[in-house]
Protein backbone atom coordinates (compact mmCIF):
# COMPACT_ATOMS: atom_id res chain seq x y z
CA UNK A 1 14.30 -34.01 -12.18
CA UNK A 2 17.97 -32.95 -12.91
CA UNK A 3 19.01 -29.55 -11.62
CA UNK A 4 22.29 -27.83 -11.55
CA UNK A 5 24.29 -27.96 -8.22
CA UNK A 6 24.54 -24.09 -8.32
CA UNK A 7 20.69 -23.77 -8.05
CA UNK A 8 20.91 -26.09 -4.94
CA UNK A 9 23.81 -24.04 -3.42
CA UNK A 10 21.88 -20.73 -4.01
CA UNK A 11 18.82 -22.18 -2.45
CA UNK A 12 20.89 -23.29 0.62
CA UNK A 13 22.26 -19.80 0.85
CA UNK A 14 18.72 -18.32 0.84
CA UNK A 15 17.67 -20.72 3.47
CA UNK A 16 20.66 -19.52 5.63
CA UNK A 17 19.62 -15.91 5.03
CA UNK A 18 16.22 -16.68 6.32
CA UNK A 19 17.69 -18.14 9.53
CA UNK A 20 19.25 -14.68 10.22
CA UNK A 21 16.33 -12.49 9.73
CA UNK A 22 16.72 -10.40 12.84
CA UNK A 23 20.36 -9.69 12.28
CA UNK A 24 20.03 -8.71 8.69
CA UNK A 25 17.15 -6.31 9.42
CA UNK A 26 19.01 -4.72 12.25
CA UNK A 27 22.21 -4.34 10.33
CA UNK A 28 20.45 -3.01 7.27
CA UNK A 29 18.80 -0.20 9.24
CA UNK A 30 21.95 0.63 11.23
CA UNK A 31 24.06 0.89 8.12
CA UNK A 32 22.02 4.06 7.12
CA UNK A 33 21.49 5.43 10.58
CA UNK A 34 25.24 5.76 10.99
CA UNK A 35 25.52 8.00 8.16
CA UNK A 36 26.36 11.62 9.15
CA UNK A 37 26.31 13.46 5.93
CA UNK A 38 23.48 15.89 4.78
CA UNK A 39 21.99 16.32 1.38
CA UNK A 40 20.73 13.63 -0.90
CA UNK A 41 23.91 13.11 -2.93
CA UNK A 42 26.30 13.37 0.06
CA UNK A 43 24.15 10.84 2.06
CA UNK A 44 24.33 8.30 -0.70
CA UNK A 45 28.05 8.72 -1.14
CA UNK A 46 28.63 8.48 2.60
CA UNK A 47 26.60 5.25 2.70
CA UNK A 48 28.66 3.76 -0.07
CA UNK A 49 32.26 4.89 0.88
CA UNK A 50 32.24 6.03 4.48
CA UNK A 51 34.11 4.08 7.16
CA UNK A 52 32.07 2.62 9.87
CA UNK A 53 28.74 3.08 8.07
CA UNK A 54 26.79 1.84 4.94
CA UNK A 55 28.79 -0.71 3.07
CA UNK A 56 31.62 -0.90 5.51
CA UNK A 57 29.22 -1.51 8.41
CA UNK A 58 27.45 -4.21 6.52
CA UNK A 59 30.75 -6.02 5.92
CA UNK A 60 31.64 -5.80 9.62
CA UNK A 61 28.10 -6.91 10.76
CA UNK A 62 26.94 -9.48 8.26
CA UNK A 63 29.60 -11.14 6.23
CA UNK A 64 30.79 -13.53 8.93
CA UNK A 65 27.07 -14.47 9.69
CA UNK A 66 26.34 -15.10 5.99
CA UNK A 67 29.69 -16.58 4.75
CA UNK A 68 29.36 -20.24 5.80
CA UNK A 69 29.81 -23.69 4.24
CA UNK A 70 32.37 -22.64 1.66
CA UNK A 71 30.89 -19.22 0.93
CA UNK A 72 32.49 -15.77 1.32
CA UNK A 73 30.24 -12.66 1.34
CA UNK A 74 31.43 -9.15 0.65
CA UNK A 75 29.76 -5.81 0.19
CA UNK A 76 31.54 -3.37 -2.14
CA UNK A 77 30.71 0.04 -3.54
CA UNK A 78 31.66 2.58 -6.27
CA UNK A 79 30.53 6.19 -6.39
CA UNK A 80 30.67 8.25 -9.63
CA UNK A 81 30.44 11.98 -10.27
CA UNK A 82 28.25 11.53 -13.23
CA UNK A 83 24.82 9.95 -13.27
CA UNK A 84 23.02 8.33 -16.27
CA UNK A 85 20.58 10.77 -17.88
CA UNK A 86 17.62 9.55 -19.89
CA UNK A 87 14.54 10.63 -21.70
CA UNK A 88 11.44 8.54 -20.84
CA UNK A 89 9.50 7.14 -23.74
CA UNK A 90 5.74 7.10 -23.27
CA UNK A 91 3.59 4.66 -25.22
CA UNK A 92 1.09 5.95 -27.70
CA UNK A 93 -1.89 4.38 -29.35
CA UNK A 94 -0.17 4.80 -32.68
CA UNK A 95 2.47 2.48 -31.56
CA UNK A 96 5.31 5.18 -31.85
CA UNK A 97 6.75 6.05 -28.46
CA UNK A 98 6.76 9.74 -27.46
CA UNK A 99 9.86 11.31 -25.81
CA UNK A 100 9.15 13.12 -22.66
CA UNK A 101 10.08 16.92 -22.89
CA UNK A 102 12.66 16.93 -20.15
CA UNK A 103 15.43 14.35 -19.30
CA UNK A 104 15.94 12.90 -15.83
CA UNK A 105 18.42 10.49 -14.11
CA UNK A 106 17.83 6.89 -14.60
CA UNK A 107 18.59 6.48 -11.03
CA UNK A 108 20.86 7.56 -8.09
CA UNK A 109 21.72 4.18 -6.61
CA UNK A 110 21.92 0.59 -7.95
CA UNK A 111 22.31 -2.51 -5.96
CA UNK A 112 23.74 -5.70 -7.80
CA UNK A 113 23.64 -9.17 -6.25
CA UNK A 114 26.26 -11.70 -7.56
CA UNK A 115 26.55 -15.26 -6.82
CA UNK A 116 29.85 -16.40 -8.16
CA UNK A 117 31.59 -19.85 -8.43
CA UNK A 118 35.21 -20.36 -7.43
CA UNK A 119 36.34 -18.96 -10.73
CA UNK A 120 34.15 -15.81 -10.35
CA UNK A 121 31.73 -16.91 -13.09
CA UNK A 122 28.28 -15.63 -12.44
CA UNK A 123 25.80 -18.36 -11.33
CA UNK A 124 23.03 -15.76 -10.47
CA UNK A 125 22.63 -12.03 -10.64
CA UNK A 126 19.82 -9.53 -9.84
CA UNK A 127 19.55 -5.79 -9.45
CA UNK A 128 17.44 -2.82 -8.37
CA UNK A 129 17.78 0.77 -9.48
CA UNK A 130 16.59 3.46 -7.05
CA UNK A 131 15.57 6.98 -7.28
CA UNK A 132 16.72 8.53 -4.09
CA UNK A 133 15.03 11.37 -2.27
CA UNK A 134 15.44 12.87 1.16
CA UNK A 135 11.76 12.38 2.25
CA UNK A 136 8.51 11.34 0.55
CA UNK A 137 6.52 14.12 -0.98
CA UNK A 138 3.34 14.89 0.90
CA UNK A 139 1.17 15.45 -2.14
CA UNK A 140 -0.68 12.92 -4.41
CA UNK A 141 2.65 11.27 -5.26
CA UNK A 142 5.61 10.35 -3.09
CA UNK A 143 7.85 11.69 -5.80
CA UNK A 144 7.30 15.38 -6.84
CA UNK A 145 9.50 15.33 -9.97
CA UNK A 146 7.11 14.60 -12.92
CA UNK A 147 9.70 13.07 -15.29
CA UNK A 148 11.23 10.80 -12.74
CA UNK A 149 7.86 9.42 -11.61
CA UNK A 150 6.56 9.05 -15.06
CA UNK A 151 9.77 7.22 -16.15
CA UNK A 152 9.42 4.69 -13.31
CA UNK A 153 5.57 4.40 -13.22
CA UNK A 154 4.55 4.58 -16.90
CA UNK A 155 7.22 4.81 -19.50
CA UNK A 156 7.70 1.58 -21.54
CA UNK A 157 11.33 2.46 -22.41
CA UNK A 158 13.83 5.22 -22.26
CA UNK A 159 16.43 6.84 -24.58
CA UNK A 160 19.94 7.55 -23.17
CA UNK A 161 21.05 11.17 -23.23
CA UNK A 162 24.47 10.20 -21.62
CA UNK A 163 26.26 6.97 -21.30
CA UNK A 164 25.04 5.54 -24.69
CA UNK A 165 23.47 8.75 -26.20
CA UNK A 166 20.61 8.00 -28.60
CA UNK A 167 20.21 4.31 -27.77
CA UNK A 168 16.81 3.13 -26.46
CA UNK A 169 16.17 0.53 -23.76
CA UNK A 170 12.87 -1.15 -22.81
CA UNK A 171 11.86 -1.25 -19.17
CA UNK A 172 10.35 -4.36 -17.41
CA UNK A 173 6.63 -4.57 -17.45
CA UNK A 174 3.92 -5.95 -15.14
CA UNK A 175 4.91 -7.41 -11.69
CA UNK A 176 8.52 -7.65 -12.66
CA UNK A 177 8.77 -3.84 -12.83
CA UNK A 178 8.41 -3.31 -9.25
CA UNK A 179 11.39 -5.67 -8.51
CA UNK A 180 13.61 -3.55 -10.73
CA UNK A 181 12.58 0.15 -10.16
CA UNK A 182 12.06 1.45 -6.67
CA UNK A 183 12.32 4.66 -4.64
CA UNK A 184 14.45 5.17 -1.46
CA UNK A 185 14.09 7.90 1.00
CA UNK A 186 17.49 8.49 2.73
CA UNK A 187 16.83 11.17 5.35
CA UNK A 188 13.76 10.52 7.56
CA UNK A 189 15.88 10.70 10.69
CA UNK A 190 15.50 9.67 13.44
CA UNK A 191 13.41 7.05 11.67
CA UNK A 192 14.97 4.37 9.54
CA UNK A 193 15.65 4.80 5.77
CA UNK A 194 12.66 3.47 3.82
CA UNK A 195 12.29 1.85 0.32
CA UNK A 196 9.12 2.25 -1.65
CA UNK A 197 7.76 0.13 -4.47
CA UNK A 198 6.19 1.70 -7.57
CA UNK A 199 3.87 3.27 -8.43
CA UNK A 200 4.48 6.64 -6.84
CA UNK A 201 0.83 7.46 -6.29
CA UNK A 202 -0.02 7.98 -2.61
CA UNK A 203 -1.57 4.92 -1.07
CA UNK A 204 -0.56 2.47 -3.82
CA UNK A 205 3.03 1.46 -3.50
CA UNK A 206 4.46 -0.31 -0.41
CA UNK A 207 6.92 1.12 2.25
CA UNK A 208 9.36 -1.05 3.95
CA UNK A 209 12.51 -0.29 6.20
CA UNK A 210 15.73 -0.70 4.29
CA UNK A 211 16.72 -3.63 6.66
CA UNK A 212 13.59 -5.47 5.44
CA UNK A 213 14.49 -4.66 1.86
CA UNK A 214 18.11 -5.96 2.40
CA UNK A 215 16.64 -9.21 3.64
CA UNK A 216 14.34 -9.58 0.78
CA UNK A 217 17.11 -8.65 -1.65
CA UNK A 218 19.43 -11.35 -0.24
CA UNK A 219 16.67 -14.06 -0.33
CA UNK A 220 15.54 -13.22 -3.80
CA UNK A 221 12.19 -11.71 -2.81
CA UNK A 222 13.08 -8.47 -4.64
CA UNK A 223 15.57 -7.39 -7.29
CA UNK A 224 15.07 -8.53 -10.89
CA UNK A 225 17.22 -11.29 -12.44
CA UNK A 226 19.95 -10.37 -14.77
CA UNK A 227 21.31 -12.80 -17.34
CA UNK A 228 25.02 -13.49 -16.74
CA UNK A 229 25.85 -12.81 -20.53
CA UNK A 230 26.19 -9.08 -21.09
CA UNK A 231 25.38 -9.61 -24.69
CA UNK A 232 21.84 -10.57 -23.71
CA UNK A 233 18.75 -9.37 -25.43
CA UNK A 234 16.78 -9.41 -22.18
CA UNK A 235 15.57 -5.77 -21.59
CA UNK A 236 16.54 -5.48 -18.00
CA UNK A 237 19.80 -7.31 -18.51
CA UNK A 238 20.79 -4.76 -21.12
CA UNK A 239 20.03 -1.86 -18.72
CA UNK A 240 21.98 -3.38 -15.84
CA UNK A 241 24.99 -4.38 -18.08
CA UNK A 242 24.78 -0.86 -19.62
CA UNK A 243 25.30 0.53 -15.93
CA UNK A 244 28.08 -1.91 -15.10
CA UNK A 245 29.86 -0.94 -18.35
CA UNK A 246 29.60 2.79 -17.58
CA UNK A 247 30.82 2.36 -13.99
CA UNK A 248 33.74 0.23 -15.23
CA UNK A 249 34.67 2.69 -17.94
CA UNK A 250 34.65 5.62 -15.36
CA UNK A 251 36.95 4.01 -12.88
CA UNK A 252 39.21 2.53 -15.54
CA UNK A 253 39.56 5.90 -17.21
CA UNK A 254 40.56 7.41 -13.90
CA UNK A 255 43.19 4.79 -13.20
CA UNK A 256 41.35 3.34 -10.27
CA UNK A 257 41.18 -0.17 -11.56
CA UNK A 258 43.47 -1.81 -14.20
CA UNK A 259 40.86 -3.48 -16.50
CA UNK A 260 37.46 -2.37 -17.55
CA UNK A 261 34.25 -4.52 -17.16
CA UNK A 262 32.85 -6.33 -14.34
CA UNK A 263 36.01 -8.68 -14.06
CA UNK A 264 38.09 -5.65 -13.44
CA UNK A 265 35.84 -4.54 -10.62
CA UNK A 266 35.81 -7.92 -9.00
CA UNK A 267 39.62 -8.16 -9.40
CA UNK A 268 39.81 -4.81 -7.61
CA UNK A 269 37.71 -6.01 -4.65
CA UNK A 270 39.66 -9.37 -4.48
CA UNK A 271 40.26 -10.99 -1.95
CA UNK A 272 36.69 -11.16 -0.91
CA UNK A 273 37.69 -12.18 2.67
CA UNK A 274 39.42 -8.82 3.05
CA UNK A 275 36.94 -6.03 3.77
CA UNK A 276 39.43 -3.28 4.11
CA UNK A 277 39.18 -2.61 0.33
CA UNK A 278 35.51 -2.04 -0.05
CA UNK A 279 34.84 1.10 -1.96
CA UNK A 280 36.00 3.31 -4.89
CA UNK A 281 35.14 7.05 -4.93
CA UNK A 282 35.73 8.36 -8.36
CA UNK A 283 35.28 11.87 -7.18
CA UNK A 284 38.43 11.61 -5.19
CA UNK A 285 36.51 12.47 -1.93
CA UNK A 286 35.86 16.08 -2.81
CA UNK A 287 32.61 17.65 -1.71
CA UNK A 288 30.28 17.90 -4.59
CA UNK A 289 28.94 21.49 -5.17
CA UNK A 290 25.25 22.39 -5.27
CA UNK A 291 23.74 21.10 -8.53
CA UNK A 292 26.32 18.43 -8.86
CA UNK A 293 25.05 14.91 -9.16
CA UNK A 294 26.32 11.36 -8.51
CA UNK A 295 25.60 7.72 -8.98
CA UNK A 296 26.38 4.87 -6.77
CA UNK A 297 26.64 1.14 -7.40
CA UNK A 298 26.75 -1.41 -4.49
CA UNK A 299 27.84 -4.99 -5.14
CA UNK A 300 26.61 -7.82 -2.89
CA UNK A 301 29.08 -10.56 -3.74
CA UNK A 302 28.69 -14.24 -2.62
CA UNK A 303 31.74 -16.21 -3.78
CA UNK A 304 31.16 -19.90 -3.39
CA UNK A 305 34.45 -22.00 -3.27
CA UNK A 306 32.45 -25.33 -3.53
CA UNK A 307 31.13 -24.37 -7.08
CA UNK A 308 33.13 -24.68 -10.34
CA UNK A 309 34.64 -27.10 -12.77
CA UNK A 310 31.83 -29.43 -13.43
CA UNK A 311 29.34 -26.80 -13.16
CA UNK A 312 31.14 -24.51 -15.70
CA UNK A 313 31.32 -27.48 -18.12
CA UNK A 314 27.51 -27.71 -17.93
CA UNK A 315 27.43 -31.09 -16.20
CA UNK A 316 24.25 -31.29 -13.94
CA UNK A 317 23.83 -33.20 -10.71
CA UNK A 318 21.23 -34.26 -8.36
CA UNK A 319 20.54 -31.68 -5.65
CA UNK A 320 22.38 -32.31 -2.40
CA UNK A 321 19.46 -32.02 -0.01
CA UNK A 322 19.64 -31.59 3.74
CA UNK A 323 23.57 -32.10 4.23
CA UNK A 324 23.85 -29.49 7.04
CA UNK A 325 20.71 -30.98 8.75
CA UNK A 326 22.00 -34.56 8.63
CA UNK A 327 19.08 -35.59 6.36
CA UNK A 328 19.71 -38.35 3.90
CA UNK A 329 20.53 -36.60 0.49
CA UNK A 330 18.64 -37.61 -2.53
CA UNK A 331 20.08 -40.59 -4.33
CA UNK A 332 21.37 -39.50 -7.79
CA UNK A 333 20.54 -42.88 -9.12
CA UNK A 334 16.93 -42.61 -8.42
CA UNK A 335 14.82 -41.71 -11.48
CA UNK A 336 11.49 -40.07 -11.17
CA UNK A 337 9.27 -40.00 -14.24
CA UNK A 338 7.77 -36.65 -13.35
CA UNK A 339 5.80 -34.71 -15.98
CA UNK A 340 6.33 -31.07 -15.55
CA UNK A 341 3.97 -29.79 -18.13
CA UNK A 342 0.61 -29.12 -16.39
CA UNK A 343 0.63 -26.99 -13.21
CA UNK A 344 -2.67 -28.47 -11.93
CA UNK A 345 -1.14 -32.01 -12.10
CA UNK A 346 2.04 -30.73 -10.50
CA UNK A 347 0.03 -29.18 -7.54
CA UNK A 348 -1.91 -32.54 -7.00
CA UNK A 349 1.39 -34.41 -7.01
CA UNK A 350 2.84 -32.09 -4.65
CA UNK A 351 0.19 -32.82 -1.94
CA UNK A 352 0.45 -36.68 -2.16
CA UNK A 353 4.05 -37.38 -3.31
CA UNK A 354 6.93 -38.57 -1.17
CA UNK A 355 9.62 -36.13 0.00
CA UNK A 356 12.04 -36.48 -2.88
CA UNK A 357 9.37 -35.81 -5.59
CA UNK A 358 7.94 -33.01 -3.48
CA UNK A 359 11.27 -31.28 -3.49
CA UNK A 360 11.73 -31.69 -7.32
CA UNK A 361 8.15 -30.27 -7.90
CA UNK A 362 8.82 -27.12 -5.58
CA UNK A 363 12.13 -26.45 -7.45
CA UNK A 364 10.32 -26.62 -10.80
CA UNK A 365 7.54 -24.28 -9.68
CA UNK A 366 10.21 -21.92 -8.31
CA UNK A 367 11.92 -22.00 -11.62
CA UNK A 368 8.69 -21.15 -13.55
CA UNK A 369 7.95 -18.10 -11.42
CA UNK A 370 11.41 -16.80 -11.74
CA UNK A 371 11.13 -17.04 -15.58
CA UNK A 372 7.56 -15.61 -15.55
CA UNK A 373 6.04 -18.87 -16.80
CA UNK A 374 3.17 -19.05 -14.38
CA UNK A 375 -0.20 -17.35 -15.25
CA UNK A 376 -1.98 -15.25 -12.53
CA UNK A 377 -4.44 -17.99 -12.12
CA UNK A 378 -1.73 -20.61 -11.63
CA UNK A 379 0.20 -18.42 -9.18
CA UNK A 380 -2.91 -17.99 -6.99
CA UNK A 381 -3.61 -21.72 -7.12
CA UNK A 382 0.07 -22.50 -6.24
CA UNK A 383 0.01 -20.00 -3.39
CA UNK A 384 -3.09 -21.65 -1.96
CA UNK A 385 -1.63 -25.22 -2.08
CA UNK A 386 1.80 -24.05 -0.45
CA UNK A 387 -0.15 -22.28 2.25
CA UNK A 388 -1.92 -25.59 3.21
CA UNK A 389 1.03 -28.03 2.94
CA UNK A 390 4.16 -26.15 3.65
CA UNK A 391 4.10 -27.12 7.27
CA UNK A 392 4.26 -30.85 6.29
CA UNK A 393 7.30 -30.61 3.83
CA UNK A 394 10.69 -31.76 4.68
CA UNK A 395 12.76 -28.95 6.23
CA UNK A 396 14.88 -28.33 3.23
CA UNK A 397 11.89 -28.26 0.86
CA UNK A 398 9.97 -26.06 3.32
CA UNK A 399 12.70 -23.40 3.22
CA UNK A 400 12.63 -23.32 -0.56
CA UNK A 401 8.78 -23.31 -0.57
CA UNK A 402 8.77 -20.31 2.04
CA UNK A 403 10.97 -18.24 -0.41
CA UNK A 404 8.66 -19.14 -3.24
CA UNK A 405 5.61 -18.13 -1.22
CA UNK A 406 7.03 -14.70 -0.68
CA UNK A 407 7.59 -14.33 -4.44
CA UNK A 408 3.91 -15.43 -5.09
CA UNK A 409 2.61 -13.22 -2.36
CA UNK A 410 4.36 -10.22 -3.74
CA UNK A 411 3.08 -10.99 -7.26
CA UNK A 412 -0.53 -11.55 -6.15
CA UNK A 413 -0.62 -8.46 -3.97
CA UNK A 414 0.75 -6.31 -6.82
CA UNK A 415 -1.97 -7.66 -9.16
CA UNK A 416 -4.71 -6.87 -6.66
CA UNK A 417 -3.41 -3.42 -6.10
CA UNK A 418 -3.43 -2.79 -9.95
CA UNK A 419 -6.99 -4.25 -10.17
CA UNK A 420 -8.23 -1.96 -7.38
CA UNK A 421 -6.51 1.03 -8.89
CA UNK A 422 -8.49 0.61 -12.09
């Protein structure tokens, strides 16, 4: 199988992330614990732009740990005065969506992961949008705002009331939705900040500390993939690129960056090795009055100086396996006549093939789950096989298989929860 070198480099980065689990969890939790502001909006802003906390703390604590083997890591943040307001669109049996009576914010905080080559072209992107609350509601739902929870839990789409007024966007469905839309509770002190998956029904979604969420965001166990082309017709891609465009427009109109668009934001935060320039506060630092709202975007940037040139020209190469572990890399002249059509055959081959073929099969299966090309039955079969053989795989293949297992477990768990709820 031929794969792009960028996929291998990204996989290697995820393996490195999984070798730093304790440090990432601790830094993620501490980044919020150091916030001293009060009030939902001010806490989010302090996390994004405050010195010695939030984004700044993550830069000081994690970037040297994660930036290895030609990679530079940087966390960066933008805080805006205005938040995107939308009307949820509820599905009806007639097929015509019904607009909710009242508007609500699309979200309070968005995180965007970007894996860039040396020319700052996007190799991989994914994103989560959060509704932020101080504490979970104690009633039948952890969110007490009816329009907000219906937007995230039930609406098939929404219509912009601001940003792109009147334009409609579809929301992700199925198990992909919980990777894209989540809740975050930012003031449960002295306990850690927690993230909550949808739905908002008490006892259904899953809580996790922010440190665990950050780990899973970095290793691609949460956050939904975003196509690198902003003209995409992918529903989630359109939403995320809308938000990037809105943030870029706001900071450009205020003269805070020279050029609009994601390129302008990346240029502003260049050089990635320099963490002193890590935030933009479009409010000018003034304290927001009661009733005023805000929206924050946090960028997690991985810049890979070893990628570019051939990759941008679309040339593919054999994966460079095990270089850091001094394991013999796969020979690019070796050709395997593998038939990647039937999942059952792939799983059978996975159990009995030699190491190079096993690695190629795991990468193919990982690609299929990322593109939502595995049925529920195939996902369960794959998880069962990986559970039984993961310990016998070559180290570099086992790391990829471990990440893949986490994605499968998340998907299977969500399906089981939905089944029980019905």
